[in-house]
N, C-alpha and C. Protein backbone atom coordinates (compact mmCIF):
# COMPACT_ATOMS: atom_id res chain seq x y z
N MET A 1 84.79 -54.08 -182.02
CA MET A 1 84.57 -53.00 -181.09
C MET A 1 83.90 -53.57 -179.83
N SER A 2 84.37 -53.09 -178.68
CA SER A 2 83.76 -53.53 -177.41
C SER A 2 83.28 -52.31 -176.64
N LYS A 3 82.16 -52.51 -175.97
CA LYS A 3 81.54 -51.42 -175.21
C LYS A 3 81.96 -51.53 -173.75
N CYS A 4 82.40 -50.41 -173.18
CA CYS A 4 82.80 -50.36 -171.77
C CYS A 4 81.54 -50.41 -170.91
N VAL A 5 81.51 -51.35 -169.94
CA VAL A 5 80.34 -51.44 -169.08
C VAL A 5 80.33 -50.35 -168.01
N TYR A 6 81.45 -49.67 -167.80
CA TYR A 6 81.52 -48.61 -166.80
C TYR A 6 80.95 -47.30 -167.32
N CYS A 7 81.34 -46.90 -168.54
CA CYS A 7 80.90 -45.59 -169.05
C CYS A 7 80.11 -45.69 -170.35
N GLY A 8 80.11 -46.87 -170.98
CA GLY A 8 79.34 -47.05 -172.20
C GLY A 8 80.04 -46.69 -173.49
N SER A 9 81.30 -46.22 -173.43
CA SER A 9 81.98 -45.86 -174.69
C SER A 9 82.45 -47.10 -175.43
N VAL A 10 82.54 -46.92 -176.73
CA VAL A 10 82.98 -48.01 -177.60
C VAL A 10 84.50 -47.92 -177.76
N ASN A 11 85.17 -49.07 -177.62
CA ASN A 11 86.63 -49.14 -177.69
C ASN A 11 87.04 -50.16 -178.74
N ILE A 12 88.23 -50.04 -179.22
CA ILE A 12 88.78 -50.97 -180.20
C ILE A 12 88.99 -52.32 -179.53
N ASP A 13 88.61 -53.41 -180.23
CA ASP A 13 88.83 -54.75 -179.69
C ASP A 13 90.30 -54.95 -179.35
N GLY A 14 90.54 -55.56 -178.22
CA GLY A 14 91.91 -55.82 -177.79
C GLY A 14 92.49 -54.75 -176.88
N ALA A 15 91.80 -53.61 -176.74
CA ALA A 15 92.30 -52.55 -175.86
C ALA A 15 92.23 -53.04 -174.41
N ASP A 16 93.23 -52.66 -173.62
CA ASP A 16 93.29 -53.07 -172.22
C ASP A 16 92.46 -52.18 -171.31
N VAL A 17 92.40 -50.87 -171.65
CA VAL A 17 91.63 -49.94 -170.83
C VAL A 17 90.72 -49.11 -171.73
N CYS A 18 89.65 -48.64 -171.17
CA CYS A 18 88.71 -47.79 -171.89
C CYS A 18 89.36 -46.44 -172.16
N GLU A 19 89.26 -45.96 -173.38
CA GLU A 19 89.84 -44.65 -173.72
C GLU A 19 89.15 -43.50 -173.00
N GLN A 20 87.86 -43.67 -172.67
CA GLN A 20 87.09 -42.60 -172.04
C GLN A 20 87.31 -42.53 -170.53
N CYS A 21 87.10 -43.65 -169.81
CA CYS A 21 87.14 -43.62 -168.34
C CYS A 21 88.36 -44.30 -167.74
N LEU A 22 89.18 -44.92 -168.60
CA LEU A 22 90.42 -45.58 -168.19
C LEU A 22 90.22 -46.79 -167.29
N GLU A 23 89.01 -47.33 -167.26
CA GLU A 23 88.74 -48.55 -166.50
C GLU A 23 89.26 -49.74 -167.31
N PRO A 24 89.74 -50.79 -166.63
CA PRO A 24 90.24 -51.97 -167.36
C PRO A 24 89.10 -52.66 -168.10
N LEU A 25 89.37 -53.01 -169.35
CA LEU A 25 88.35 -53.67 -170.16
C LEU A 25 88.40 -55.18 -169.99
N GLY A 26 89.56 -55.71 -169.72
CA GLY A 26 89.72 -57.16 -169.63
C GLY A 26 88.99 -57.77 -168.46
N GLU A 27 88.74 -57.02 -167.39
CA GLU A 27 88.10 -57.56 -166.20
C GLU A 27 86.59 -57.37 -166.21
N GLN A 28 86.06 -56.77 -167.24
CA GLN A 28 84.64 -56.42 -167.22
C GLN A 28 83.73 -57.63 -167.17
N GLY A 29 84.16 -58.71 -167.76
CA GLY A 29 83.34 -59.91 -167.72
C GLY A 29 83.29 -60.52 -166.34
N PHE A 30 84.23 -60.20 -165.48
CA PHE A 30 84.30 -60.79 -164.15
C PHE A 30 83.67 -59.90 -163.08
N ALA A 31 83.48 -58.62 -163.38
CA ALA A 31 82.93 -57.71 -162.39
C ALA A 31 81.44 -57.98 -162.19
N PRO A 32 80.99 -58.14 -160.95
CA PRO A 32 79.55 -58.33 -160.73
C PRO A 32 78.77 -57.13 -161.24
N GLN A 33 77.60 -57.36 -161.79
CA GLN A 33 76.80 -56.29 -162.38
C GLN A 33 76.45 -55.21 -161.36
N VAL A 34 76.19 -55.62 -160.12
CA VAL A 34 75.86 -54.64 -159.09
C VAL A 34 77.01 -53.67 -158.91
N ASP A 35 78.24 -54.17 -158.89
CA ASP A 35 79.40 -53.31 -158.72
C ASP A 35 79.53 -52.33 -159.87
N VAL A 36 79.28 -52.79 -161.09
CA VAL A 36 79.39 -51.94 -162.26
C VAL A 36 78.36 -50.81 -162.19
N GLU A 37 77.13 -51.17 -161.86
CA GLU A 37 76.08 -50.15 -161.77
C GLU A 37 76.37 -49.17 -160.63
N MET A 38 76.86 -49.69 -159.53
CA MET A 38 77.17 -48.84 -158.39
C MET A 38 78.29 -47.87 -158.75
N GLN A 39 79.33 -48.38 -159.39
CA GLN A 39 80.44 -47.51 -159.80
C GLN A 39 79.97 -46.44 -160.76
N ARG A 40 79.15 -46.84 -161.70
CA ARG A 40 78.63 -45.88 -162.67
C ARG A 40 77.84 -44.78 -161.95
N SER A 41 77.00 -45.17 -161.01
CA SER A 41 76.19 -44.19 -160.27
C SER A 41 77.08 -43.25 -159.47
N LEU A 42 78.05 -43.80 -158.76
CA LEU A 42 78.94 -42.97 -157.94
C LEU A 42 79.74 -41.99 -158.78
N LEU A 43 80.12 -42.42 -159.99
CA LEU A 43 80.93 -41.56 -160.85
C LEU A 43 80.11 -40.51 -161.60
N HIS A 44 78.83 -40.75 -161.76
CA HIS A 44 78.01 -39.83 -162.55
C HIS A 44 77.02 -39.01 -161.73
N ASP A 45 76.52 -39.59 -160.65
CA ASP A 45 75.52 -38.86 -159.84
C ASP A 45 76.20 -37.75 -159.05
N LYS A 46 75.48 -36.69 -158.86
CA LYS A 46 76.01 -35.49 -158.19
C LYS A 46 75.57 -35.44 -156.73
N VAL A 47 76.32 -34.71 -155.94
CA VAL A 47 76.06 -34.54 -154.52
C VAL A 47 74.64 -34.03 -154.26
N VAL A 48 74.11 -33.23 -155.16
CA VAL A 48 72.76 -32.69 -154.98
C VAL A 48 71.74 -33.81 -154.80
N LEU A 49 71.98 -34.99 -155.38
CA LEU A 49 71.05 -36.12 -155.24
C LEU A 49 71.02 -36.68 -153.83
N LEU A 50 72.01 -36.34 -153.02
CA LEU A 50 72.03 -36.78 -151.62
C LEU A 50 71.09 -35.94 -150.76
N LEU A 51 70.52 -34.91 -151.36
CA LEU A 51 69.61 -33.98 -150.67
C LEU A 51 70.27 -33.40 -149.42
N PRO A 52 71.33 -32.61 -149.63
CA PRO A 52 72.03 -32.02 -148.47
C PRO A 52 71.05 -31.30 -147.54
N ARG A 53 71.23 -31.55 -146.26
CA ARG A 53 70.37 -30.92 -145.26
C ARG A 53 70.79 -29.48 -145.02
N ARG A 54 69.83 -28.66 -144.63
CA ARG A 54 70.13 -27.28 -144.27
C ARG A 54 71.03 -27.31 -143.04
N PRO A 55 72.18 -26.66 -143.11
CA PRO A 55 73.11 -26.73 -141.98
C PRO A 55 72.68 -25.85 -140.82
N ILE A 56 73.07 -26.25 -139.64
CA ILE A 56 72.91 -25.40 -138.47
C ILE A 56 74.18 -24.57 -138.39
N ILE A 57 74.01 -23.28 -138.43
CA ILE A 57 75.14 -22.35 -138.47
C ILE A 57 75.23 -21.61 -137.15
N VAL A 58 76.45 -21.55 -136.61
CA VAL A 58 76.69 -20.82 -135.36
C VAL A 58 77.81 -19.81 -135.58
N GLU A 59 77.80 -18.79 -134.75
CA GLU A 59 78.85 -17.78 -134.80
C GLU A 59 80.05 -18.26 -134.02
N PRO A 60 81.26 -17.81 -134.38
CA PRO A 60 82.47 -18.30 -133.73
C PRO A 60 82.56 -17.99 -132.23
N GLY A 61 81.86 -16.97 -131.78
CA GLY A 61 81.92 -16.60 -130.37
C GLY A 61 80.89 -17.28 -129.49
N LEU A 62 80.02 -18.10 -130.08
CA LEU A 62 78.98 -18.76 -129.30
C LEU A 62 79.62 -19.72 -128.29
N PRO A 63 79.14 -19.73 -127.05
CA PRO A 63 79.73 -20.61 -126.03
C PRO A 63 79.53 -22.09 -126.35
N VAL A 64 80.50 -22.89 -125.97
CA VAL A 64 80.46 -24.34 -126.17
C VAL A 64 79.16 -24.92 -125.62
N ARG A 65 78.73 -24.48 -124.45
CA ARG A 65 77.52 -24.98 -123.82
C ARG A 65 76.32 -24.85 -124.75
N GLU A 66 76.17 -23.70 -125.38
CA GLU A 66 75.02 -23.47 -126.26
C GLU A 66 75.09 -24.34 -127.51
N VAL A 67 76.29 -24.50 -128.04
CA VAL A 67 76.46 -25.34 -129.24
C VAL A 67 76.13 -26.79 -128.92
N LEU A 68 76.65 -27.30 -127.80
CA LEU A 68 76.37 -28.68 -127.42
C LEU A 68 74.87 -28.88 -127.16
N GLN A 69 74.24 -27.91 -126.53
CA GLN A 69 72.81 -28.00 -126.27
C GLN A 69 72.02 -28.02 -127.59
N THR A 70 72.41 -27.18 -128.53
CA THR A 70 71.75 -27.16 -129.84
C THR A 70 71.90 -28.51 -130.54
N MET A 71 73.12 -29.05 -130.50
CA MET A 71 73.35 -30.34 -131.16
C MET A 71 72.51 -31.44 -130.52
N MET A 72 72.40 -31.44 -129.22
CA MET A 72 71.59 -32.45 -128.53
C MET A 72 70.11 -32.27 -128.83
N GLU A 73 69.62 -31.05 -128.75
CA GLU A 73 68.20 -30.80 -128.98
C GLU A 73 67.77 -31.16 -130.40
N ARG A 74 68.62 -30.89 -131.35
CA ARG A 74 68.28 -31.14 -132.76
C ARG A 74 68.76 -32.50 -133.25
N THR A 75 69.40 -33.26 -132.36
CA THR A 75 69.99 -34.56 -132.69
C THR A 75 70.78 -34.50 -134.01
N ILE A 76 71.77 -33.62 -134.02
CA ILE A 76 72.63 -33.46 -135.20
C ILE A 76 74.07 -33.74 -134.81
N GLY A 77 74.87 -34.11 -135.80
CA GLY A 77 76.26 -34.47 -135.55
C GLY A 77 77.26 -33.36 -135.79
N CYS A 78 76.80 -32.22 -136.31
CA CYS A 78 77.75 -31.13 -136.55
C CYS A 78 77.03 -29.80 -136.69
N VAL A 79 77.79 -28.74 -136.47
CA VAL A 79 77.35 -27.38 -136.78
C VAL A 79 78.47 -26.74 -137.58
N LEU A 80 78.09 -25.79 -138.43
CA LEU A 80 79.09 -25.04 -139.19
C LEU A 80 79.32 -23.71 -138.49
N VAL A 81 80.59 -23.36 -138.35
CA VAL A 81 80.96 -22.10 -137.71
C VAL A 81 81.22 -21.09 -138.82
N VAL A 82 80.38 -20.04 -138.85
CA VAL A 82 80.38 -19.09 -139.96
C VAL A 82 80.44 -17.67 -139.40
N ASP A 83 81.24 -16.84 -140.07
CA ASP A 83 81.31 -15.43 -139.71
C ASP A 83 81.18 -14.61 -140.98
N GLU A 84 80.18 -13.74 -141.03
CA GLU A 84 79.92 -12.89 -142.19
C GLU A 84 79.87 -13.69 -143.50
N GLY A 85 79.19 -14.81 -143.46
CA GLY A 85 79.02 -15.64 -144.65
C GLY A 85 80.19 -16.54 -144.99
N GLN A 86 81.29 -16.42 -144.27
CA GLN A 86 82.48 -17.22 -144.54
C GLN A 86 82.52 -18.44 -143.63
N LEU A 87 82.74 -19.61 -144.20
CA LEU A 87 82.87 -20.84 -143.43
C LEU A 87 84.24 -20.85 -142.75
N LEU A 88 84.23 -20.75 -141.43
CA LEU A 88 85.49 -20.75 -140.67
C LEU A 88 85.86 -22.14 -140.18
N GLY A 89 84.83 -22.92 -139.84
CA GLY A 89 85.12 -24.23 -139.27
C GLY A 89 83.88 -25.07 -139.14
N ILE A 90 84.10 -26.26 -138.61
CA ILE A 90 83.02 -27.21 -138.35
C ILE A 90 83.26 -27.77 -136.95
N PHE A 91 82.19 -27.92 -136.20
CA PHE A 91 82.28 -28.52 -134.89
C PHE A 91 81.41 -29.76 -134.92
N THR A 92 82.03 -30.92 -134.67
CA THR A 92 81.35 -32.20 -134.80
C THR A 92 81.31 -32.93 -133.47
N GLU A 93 80.58 -34.03 -133.47
CA GLU A 93 80.56 -34.90 -132.29
C GLU A 93 81.97 -35.33 -131.92
N ARG A 94 82.78 -35.60 -132.91
CA ARG A 94 84.17 -36.01 -132.65
C ARG A 94 84.93 -34.88 -131.95
N ASP A 95 84.73 -33.63 -132.38
CA ASP A 95 85.36 -32.50 -131.70
C ASP A 95 84.89 -32.41 -130.25
N ALA A 96 83.61 -32.65 -130.04
CA ALA A 96 83.06 -32.60 -128.68
C ALA A 96 83.74 -33.63 -127.78
N VAL A 97 83.97 -34.81 -128.31
CA VAL A 97 84.59 -35.87 -127.52
C VAL A 97 86.09 -35.65 -127.35
N THR A 98 86.78 -35.32 -128.44
CA THR A 98 88.24 -35.24 -128.37
C THR A 98 88.79 -33.91 -127.88
N ARG A 99 88.07 -32.82 -128.13
CA ARG A 99 88.60 -31.50 -127.75
C ARG A 99 87.96 -30.93 -126.48
N VAL A 100 86.70 -31.26 -126.29
CA VAL A 100 86.01 -30.78 -125.09
C VAL A 100 86.02 -31.89 -124.04
N GLY A 101 85.56 -33.07 -124.43
CA GLY A 101 85.60 -34.25 -123.57
C GLY A 101 84.97 -34.07 -122.21
N VAL A 102 85.65 -34.59 -121.21
CA VAL A 102 85.13 -34.55 -119.84
C VAL A 102 85.21 -33.16 -119.23
N ASN A 103 85.83 -32.23 -119.94
CA ASN A 103 85.95 -30.86 -119.44
C ASN A 103 84.83 -29.95 -119.93
N ALA A 104 83.71 -30.50 -120.32
CA ALA A 104 82.61 -29.71 -120.86
C ALA A 104 82.17 -28.63 -119.90
N GLU A 105 82.11 -28.96 -118.63
CA GLU A 105 81.70 -27.96 -117.63
C GLU A 105 82.73 -26.83 -117.53
N LYS A 106 83.98 -27.20 -117.56
CA LYS A 106 85.08 -26.23 -117.46
C LYS A 106 85.11 -25.30 -118.68
N PHE A 107 84.81 -25.85 -119.86
CA PHE A 107 84.88 -25.09 -121.11
C PHE A 107 83.54 -24.51 -121.54
N ALA A 108 82.51 -24.66 -120.74
CA ALA A 108 81.14 -24.32 -121.12
C ALA A 108 80.97 -22.91 -121.68
N GLU A 109 81.69 -21.93 -121.14
CA GLU A 109 81.51 -20.55 -121.58
C GLU A 109 82.56 -20.10 -122.58
N ARG A 110 83.49 -20.99 -122.94
CA ARG A 110 84.51 -20.64 -123.92
C ARG A 110 83.90 -20.63 -125.32
N PRO A 111 84.42 -19.81 -126.23
CA PRO A 111 83.86 -19.72 -127.59
C PRO A 111 84.14 -20.99 -128.41
N ILE A 112 83.18 -21.34 -129.21
CA ILE A 112 83.27 -22.57 -130.00
C ILE A 112 84.45 -22.56 -130.96
N PHE A 113 84.89 -21.40 -131.41
CA PHE A 113 85.99 -21.36 -132.38
C PHE A 113 87.27 -21.96 -131.80
N GLU A 114 87.39 -22.02 -130.48
CA GLU A 114 88.57 -22.62 -129.86
C GLU A 114 88.58 -24.15 -130.00
N PHE A 115 87.43 -24.73 -130.29
CA PHE A 115 87.30 -26.19 -130.31
C PHE A 115 86.90 -26.76 -131.67
N MET A 116 86.58 -25.90 -132.61
CA MET A 116 86.14 -26.34 -133.94
C MET A 116 87.33 -26.87 -134.74
N THR A 117 87.01 -27.59 -135.80
CA THR A 117 88.01 -27.95 -136.79
C THR A 117 88.04 -26.80 -137.80
N PRO A 118 89.17 -26.08 -137.88
CA PRO A 118 89.21 -24.91 -138.77
C PRO A 118 89.32 -25.30 -140.24
N THR A 119 88.90 -24.39 -141.10
CA THR A 119 88.95 -24.53 -142.56
C THR A 119 88.64 -25.97 -143.03
N PRO A 120 87.41 -26.38 -142.80
CA PRO A 120 87.05 -27.76 -143.16
C PRO A 120 87.00 -27.97 -144.67
N GLU A 121 87.23 -29.20 -145.06
CA GLU A 121 87.02 -29.59 -146.45
C GLU A 121 85.54 -29.40 -146.76
N SER A 122 85.24 -29.08 -148.00
CA SER A 122 83.85 -28.98 -148.43
C SER A 122 83.76 -29.59 -149.82
N VAL A 123 82.55 -29.69 -150.31
CA VAL A 123 82.32 -30.27 -151.63
C VAL A 123 81.28 -29.41 -152.34
N ASP A 124 81.44 -29.28 -153.65
CA ASP A 124 80.49 -28.52 -154.44
C ASP A 124 79.23 -29.35 -154.67
N VAL A 125 78.10 -28.70 -154.71
CA VAL A 125 76.82 -29.37 -154.91
C VAL A 125 76.79 -30.15 -156.23
N ASP A 126 77.58 -29.72 -157.22
CA ASP A 126 77.62 -30.40 -158.51
C ASP A 126 78.75 -31.42 -158.64
N ALA A 127 79.48 -31.66 -157.55
CA ALA A 127 80.57 -32.65 -157.58
C ALA A 127 79.98 -34.06 -157.63
N GLN A 128 80.76 -34.99 -158.13
CA GLN A 128 80.33 -36.38 -158.16
C GLN A 128 80.31 -36.94 -156.74
N ILE A 129 79.37 -37.82 -156.49
CA ILE A 129 79.28 -38.45 -155.17
C ILE A 129 80.57 -39.20 -154.85
N ALA A 130 81.19 -39.80 -155.86
CA ALA A 130 82.46 -40.51 -155.64
C ALA A 130 83.53 -39.55 -155.10
N PHE A 131 83.53 -38.32 -155.55
CA PHE A 131 84.49 -37.32 -155.09
C PHE A 131 84.25 -37.00 -153.61
N ALA A 132 82.99 -36.83 -153.23
CA ALA A 132 82.65 -36.57 -151.82
C ALA A 132 83.05 -37.76 -150.95
N LEU A 133 82.76 -38.95 -151.42
CA LEU A 133 83.10 -40.16 -150.67
C LEU A 133 84.61 -40.29 -150.50
N GLN A 134 85.35 -39.96 -151.55
CA GLN A 134 86.81 -40.02 -151.47
C GLN A 134 87.35 -39.03 -150.45
N LYS A 135 86.81 -37.81 -150.45
CA LYS A 135 87.23 -36.80 -149.47
C LYS A 135 86.95 -37.28 -148.05
N MET A 136 85.78 -37.86 -147.85
CA MET A 136 85.42 -38.34 -146.52
C MET A 136 86.33 -39.48 -146.09
N ASP A 137 86.62 -40.37 -147.01
CA ASP A 137 87.48 -41.51 -146.69
C ASP A 137 88.90 -41.07 -146.36
N VAL A 138 89.50 -40.30 -147.24
CA VAL A 138 90.89 -39.87 -147.05
C VAL A 138 91.04 -39.00 -145.79
N GLY A 139 90.10 -38.11 -145.56
CA GLY A 139 90.20 -37.20 -144.42
C GLY A 139 89.65 -37.77 -143.12
N GLY A 140 88.93 -38.89 -143.20
CA GLY A 140 88.31 -39.44 -142.01
C GLY A 140 87.12 -38.63 -141.52
N TYR A 141 86.43 -37.95 -142.45
CA TYR A 141 85.31 -37.08 -142.09
C TYR A 141 84.00 -37.85 -142.15
N ARG A 142 83.08 -37.47 -141.28
CA ARG A 142 81.73 -38.02 -141.35
C ARG A 142 80.74 -36.98 -141.87
N HIS A 143 81.18 -35.72 -141.95
CA HIS A 143 80.32 -34.64 -142.43
C HIS A 143 81.12 -33.75 -143.39
N LEU A 144 80.44 -33.27 -144.42
CA LEU A 144 81.05 -32.32 -145.36
C LEU A 144 80.08 -31.18 -145.64
N PRO A 145 80.53 -29.95 -145.50
CA PRO A 145 79.71 -28.83 -145.95
C PRO A 145 79.57 -28.88 -147.47
N VAL A 146 78.41 -28.49 -147.97
CA VAL A 146 78.14 -28.48 -149.40
C VAL A 146 78.04 -27.02 -149.84
N MET A 147 78.78 -26.68 -150.89
CA MET A 147 78.87 -25.30 -151.36
C MET A 147 78.31 -25.18 -152.79
N SER A 148 77.90 -23.97 -153.11
CA SER A 148 77.51 -23.63 -154.48
C SER A 148 77.89 -22.18 -154.70
N ALA A 149 78.71 -21.93 -155.67
CA ALA A 149 79.18 -20.57 -155.99
C ALA A 149 79.76 -19.88 -154.76
N GLY A 150 80.51 -20.65 -153.95
CA GLY A 150 81.16 -20.09 -152.78
C GLY A 150 80.27 -19.89 -151.57
N ARG A 151 79.01 -20.29 -151.67
CA ARG A 151 78.07 -20.14 -150.55
C ARG A 151 77.71 -21.51 -149.99
N ILE A 152 77.49 -21.55 -148.69
CA ILE A 152 77.08 -22.79 -148.02
C ILE A 152 75.62 -23.06 -148.37
N VAL A 153 75.35 -24.25 -148.90
CA VAL A 153 73.97 -24.60 -149.23
C VAL A 153 73.47 -25.81 -148.46
N GLY A 154 74.37 -26.51 -147.78
CA GLY A 154 73.93 -27.69 -147.03
C GLY A 154 75.09 -28.41 -146.39
N VAL A 155 74.76 -29.58 -145.87
CA VAL A 155 75.76 -30.45 -145.28
C VAL A 155 75.33 -31.89 -145.55
N ILE A 156 76.31 -32.74 -145.86
CA ILE A 156 76.03 -34.16 -146.05
C ILE A 156 76.82 -34.95 -145.02
N SER A 157 76.34 -36.14 -144.76
CA SER A 157 77.03 -37.02 -143.82
C SER A 157 77.29 -38.36 -144.49
N ILE A 158 78.13 -39.15 -143.87
CA ILE A 158 78.40 -40.48 -144.40
C ILE A 158 77.11 -41.29 -144.42
N ARG A 159 76.21 -41.02 -143.50
CA ARG A 159 74.91 -41.71 -143.48
C ARG A 159 74.14 -41.43 -144.76
N ASP A 160 74.23 -40.20 -145.28
CA ASP A 160 73.55 -39.87 -146.54
C ASP A 160 74.08 -40.72 -147.68
N ILE A 161 75.40 -40.91 -147.69
CA ILE A 161 76.00 -41.72 -148.76
C ILE A 161 75.62 -43.19 -148.58
N LEU A 162 75.60 -43.68 -147.35
CA LEU A 162 75.18 -45.07 -147.12
C LEU A 162 73.73 -45.29 -147.55
N GLN A 163 72.86 -44.33 -147.28
CA GLN A 163 71.46 -44.45 -147.71
C GLN A 163 71.37 -44.43 -149.23
N TYR A 164 72.18 -43.59 -149.87
CA TYR A 164 72.23 -43.55 -151.33
C TYR A 164 72.66 -44.91 -151.88
N LEU A 165 73.72 -45.49 -151.29
CA LEU A 165 74.21 -46.79 -151.73
C LEU A 165 73.15 -47.87 -151.53
N ALA A 166 72.49 -47.84 -150.40
CA ALA A 166 71.46 -48.83 -150.12
C ALA A 166 70.32 -48.76 -151.14
N ARG A 167 69.95 -47.55 -151.54
CA ARG A 167 68.89 -47.39 -152.55
C ARG A 167 69.29 -47.97 -153.89
N HIS A 168 70.61 -47.96 -154.17
CA HIS A 168 71.08 -48.41 -155.48
C HIS A 168 71.50 -49.88 -155.52
N LEU A 169 71.55 -50.51 -154.37
CA LEU A 169 71.92 -51.93 -154.35
C LEU A 169 70.74 -52.78 -154.79
N GLU A 170 71.05 -53.79 -155.55
CA GLU A 170 70.03 -54.76 -155.96
C GLU A 170 70.26 -56.03 -155.15
N VAL A 171 69.19 -56.71 -154.84
CA VAL A 171 69.32 -57.98 -154.13
C VAL A 171 69.78 -58.99 -155.17
N VAL A 172 70.89 -59.64 -154.88
CA VAL A 172 71.44 -60.64 -155.80
C VAL A 172 71.29 -62.01 -155.17
N GLU A 173 70.65 -62.93 -155.87
CA GLU A 173 70.50 -64.30 -155.37
C GLU A 173 71.68 -65.11 -155.85
N TYR A 174 72.21 -65.92 -154.94
CA TYR A 174 73.35 -66.77 -155.28
C TYR A 174 72.92 -68.20 -155.37
């Protein structure tokens, strides 16, 4: 019997993959220990451990000027656009650059809903960090709203995940 270093389950000797997590068993001796621990943490730790920040919420009709001013004053990278408790969109630094751009003065009084990213991806507070990271990678997102029972409870950024990874890395001497 061999124990999987990824999930800890016991497998029959000679098996190629772990029956529990489907990770390859033959390569486990070659995987650096830091990578194994990091993978285990990403697969088991929940988004709640990233300590999602309280989101800044704006109404869809708020003028672009006010949203940009709020983002600058609070030094934040995104706001969530919400109407009657429903997440309609997200407005990020990227939206400010690509959709508003050099026309900020021209668009200053236009409503933010015209420039937001509609129906943004979100992640549940109890989802695995690996799931949030995968969503961010595939979608090219730097921010994700965090939900619980259909309600917005926070927002995470790629910086939060990088800080989480940095906390879990061990210094390895070569």
